[in-house]
Amino acid sequence: MLLRSVPPEHMPKMPRGWGWQIKLGCLAALMALYGGFMWHVTHQKIRPVMERVDIPVTIVAPPSQPAPPAPSITMLPPPPLVAPSPPALPEAVSRHP
């Protein structure tokens, strides 16, 4: 089948003026369906089932001993900061008295 943007010649035409009414009817039907579904979801009563559930637990291994405390961390002084001196411009030296 060829895909064409122009409908064939023998295709029946829809009467003018019905397009917006059909679209409005479809939109109203979809809104009513969605509204009914939302009303049903929000108004249904879900009864909680209060039954006790017992889960069997078996201990596979005895609990392990806690880890020993970590040794204290000794702080080292920071290394000395070595900054280069700012460059001296020749014209800036001659301006100072």
C-alpha atoms as a PDB file:
ATOM      1  CA  MET A   1       0.000   0.000   0.000  1.00  0.00           C
ATOM      2  CA  LEU A   2       1.325   3.370  -0.924  1.00  0.00           C
ATOM      3  CA  LEU A   3       1.344   6.104   1.661  1.00  0.00           C
ATOM      4  CA  ARG A   4      -0.089   9.262   0.210  1.00  0.00           C
ATOM      5  CA  SER A   5      -0.906  12.620   1.699  1.00  0.00           C
ATOM      6  CA  VAL A   6      -3.788  13.137  -0.767  1.00  0.00           C
ATOM      7  CA  PRO A   7      -6.907  10.960  -0.296  1.00  0.00           C
ATOM      8  CA  PRO A   8      -8.133   9.024  -3.319  1.00  0.00           C
ATOM      9  CA  GLU A   9     -10.719  10.531  -5.669  1.00  0.00           C
ATOM     10  CA  HIS A  10     -13.537   8.099  -4.838  1.00  0.00           C
ATOM     11  CA  MET A  11     -13.308   8.589  -1.052  1.00  0.00           C
ATOM     12  CA  PRO A  12     -16.596   9.937   0.339  1.00  0.00           C
ATOM     13  CA  LYS A  13     -16.329  13.403   1.796  1.00  0.00           C
ATOM     14  CA  MET A  14     -17.513  14.226   5.288  1.00  0.00           C
ATOM     15  CA  PRO A  15     -20.157  16.933   5.384  1.00  0.00           C
ATOM     16  CA  ARG A  16     -18.817  20.310   6.381  1.00  0.00           C
ATOM     17  CA  GLY A  17     -19.440  21.371   9.953  1.00  0.00           C
ATOM     18  CA  TRP A  18     -19.493  17.886  11.492  1.00  0.00           C
ATOM     19  CA  GLY A  19     -15.787  17.640  12.305  1.00  0.00           C
ATOM     20  CA  TRP A  20     -15.799  19.714  15.469  1.00  0.00           C
ATOM     21  CA  GLN A  21     -18.980  18.020  16.720  1.00  0.00           C
ATOM     22  CA  ILE A  22     -17.469  14.558  16.296  1.00  0.00           C
ATOM     23  CA  LYS A  23     -14.259  15.649  18.021  1.00  0.00           C
ATOM     24  CA  LEU A  24     -16.253  17.201  20.854  1.00  0.00           C
ATOM     25  CA  GLY A  25     -18.345  14.027  21.227  1.00  0.00           C
ATOM     26  CA  CYS A  26     -15.249  11.809  21.359  1.00  0.00           C
ATOM     27  CA  LEU A  27     -13.639  14.125  23.904  1.00  0.00           C
ATOM     28  CA  ALA A  28     -16.799  14.118  26.057  1.00  0.00           C
ATOM     29  CA  ALA A  29     -17.001  10.305  25.907  1.00  0.00           C
ATOM     30  CA  LEU A  30     -13.338   9.948  26.905  1.00  0.00           C
ATOM     31  CA  MET A  31     -13.770  12.452  29.749  1.00  0.00           C
ATOM     32  CA  ALA A  32     -16.841  10.602  31.017  1.00  0.00           C
ATOM     33  CA  LEU A  33     -15.009   7.274  30.872  1.00  0.00           C
ATOM     34  CA  TYR A  34     -11.983   8.693  32.693  1.00  0.00           C
ATOM     35  CA  GLY A  35     -14.184  10.444  35.265  1.00  0.00           C
ATOM     36  CA  GLY A  36     -16.094   7.246  35.950  1.00  0.00           C
ATOM     37  CA  PHE A  37     -12.872   5.305  36.374  1.00  0.00           C
ATOM     38  CA  MET A  38     -11.424   7.920  38.739  1.00  0.00           C
ATOM     39  CA  TRP A  39     -14.648   8.003  40.784  1.00  0.00           C
ATOM     40  CA  HIS A  40     -14.557   4.218  41.071  1.00  0.00           C
ATOM     41  CA  VAL A  41     -10.892   4.220  42.140  1.00  0.00           C
ATOM     42  CA  THR A  42     -11.348   6.955  44.754  1.00  0.00           C
ATOM     43  CA  HIS A  43     -14.604   5.649  46.207  1.00  0.00           C
ATOM     44  CA  GLN A  44     -13.953   1.942  46.438  1.00  0.00           C
ATOM     45  CA  LYS A  45     -13.531   0.610  49.938  1.00  0.00           C
ATOM     46  CA  ILE A  46     -10.542  -1.669  50.413  1.00  0.00           C
ATOM     47  CA  ARG A  47     -10.890  -3.652  53.599  1.00  0.00           C
ATOM     48  CA  PRO A  48      -7.541  -4.414  55.213  1.00  0.00           C
ATOM     49  CA  VAL A  49      -6.923  -8.054  55.954  1.00  0.00           C
ATOM     50  CA  MET A  50      -5.648  -8.224  59.505  1.00  0.00           C
ATOM     51  CA  GLU A  51      -4.024 -11.604  59.553  1.00  0.00           C
ATOM     52  CA  ARG A  52      -0.889 -12.466  61.456  1.00  0.00           C
ATOM     53  CA  VAL A  53       1.976 -13.641  59.331  1.00  0.00           C
ATOM     54  CA  ASP A  54       4.623 -15.752  61.040  1.00  0.00           C
ATOM     55  CA  ILE A  55       7.955 -15.813  59.241  1.00  0.00           C
ATOM     56  CA  PRO A  56      10.237 -18.600  60.438  1.00  0.00           C
ATOM     57  CA  VAL A  57      13.782 -17.413  61.164  1.00  0.00           C
ATOM     58  CA  THR A  58      16.783 -19.663  61.561  1.00  0.00           C
ATOM     59  CA  ILE A  59      20.149 -18.403  62.799  1.00  0.00           C
ATOM     60  CA  VAL A  60      22.842 -19.628  60.458  1.00  0.00           C
ATOM     61  CA  ALA A  61      25.956 -18.393  62.312  1.00  0.00           C
ATOM     62  CA  PRO A  62      26.575 -16.958  65.770  1.00  0.00           C
ATOM     63  CA  PRO A  63      27.044 -13.199  65.901  1.00  0.00           C
ATOM     64  CA  SER A  64      30.609 -12.091  65.247  1.00  0.00           C
ATOM     65  CA  GLN A  65      32.653 -10.095  67.746  1.00  0.00           C
ATOM     66  CA  PRO A  66      32.760  -6.326  67.235  1.00  0.00           C
ATOM     67  CA  ALA A  67      35.845  -4.913  65.556  1.00  0.00           C
ATOM     68  CA  PRO A  68      38.583  -3.460  67.784  1.00  0.00           C
ATOM     69  CA  PRO A  69      38.684   0.314  68.071  1.00  0.00           C
ATOM     70  CA  ALA A  70      40.702   2.123  65.422  1.00  0.00           C
ATOM     71  CA  PRO A  71      44.036   3.671  66.474  1.00  0.00           C
ATOM     72  CA  SER A  72      44.085   7.422  66.860  1.00  0.00           C
ATOM     73  CA  ILE A  73      45.233   9.464  63.891  1.00  0.00           C
ATOM     74  CA  THR A  74      48.211  11.732  64.505  1.00  0.00           C
ATOM     75  CA  MET A  75      47.987  15.096  62.826  1.00  0.00           C
ATOM     76  CA  LEU A  76      51.084  16.320  60.990  1.00  0.00           C
ATOM     77  CA  PRO A  77      51.835  20.016  60.599  1.00  0.00           C
ATOM     78  CA  PRO A  78      51.242  21.392  57.094  1.00  0.00           C
ATOM     79  CA  PRO A  79      54.282  21.891  54.870  1.00  0.00           C
ATOM     80  CA  PRO A  80      55.663  25.432  54.697  1.00  0.00           C
ATOM     81  CA  LEU A  81      54.136  27.639  52.029  1.00  0.00           C
ATOM     82  CA  VAL A  82      56.665  28.851  49.510  1.00  0.00           C
ATOM     83  CA  ALA A  83      55.282  31.634  47.326  1.00  0.00           C
ATOM     84  CA  PRO A  84      57.348  33.359  44.666  1.00  0.00           C
ATOM     85  CA  SER A  85      57.825  37.093  45.017  1.00  0.00           C
ATOM     86  CA  PRO A  86      55.789  39.244  42.630  1.00  0.00           C
ATOM     87  CA  PRO A  87      57.625  40.391  39.520  1.00  0.00           C
ATOM     88  CA  ALA A  88      59.093  43.872  39.609  1.00  0.00           C
ATOM     89  CA  LEU A  89      58.286  45.983  36.574  1.00  0.00           C
ATOM     90  CA  PRO A  90      61.006  48.428  35.465  1.00  0.00           C
ATOM     91  CA  GLU A  91      58.681  51.439  35.164  1.00  0.00           C
ATOM     92  CA  ALA A  92      57.141  50.822  38.607  1.00  0.00           C
ATOM     93  CA  VAL A  93      60.599  50.994  40.261  1.00  0.00           C
ATOM     94  CA  SER A  94      61.432  54.385  38.710  1.00  0.00           C
ATOM     95  CA  ARG A  95      58.165  56.043  39.936  1.00  0.00           C
ATOM     96  CA  HIS A  96      58.875  55.520  43.626  1.00  0.00           C
ATOM     97  CA  PRO A  97      60.957  58.321  45.239  1.00  0.00           C
END
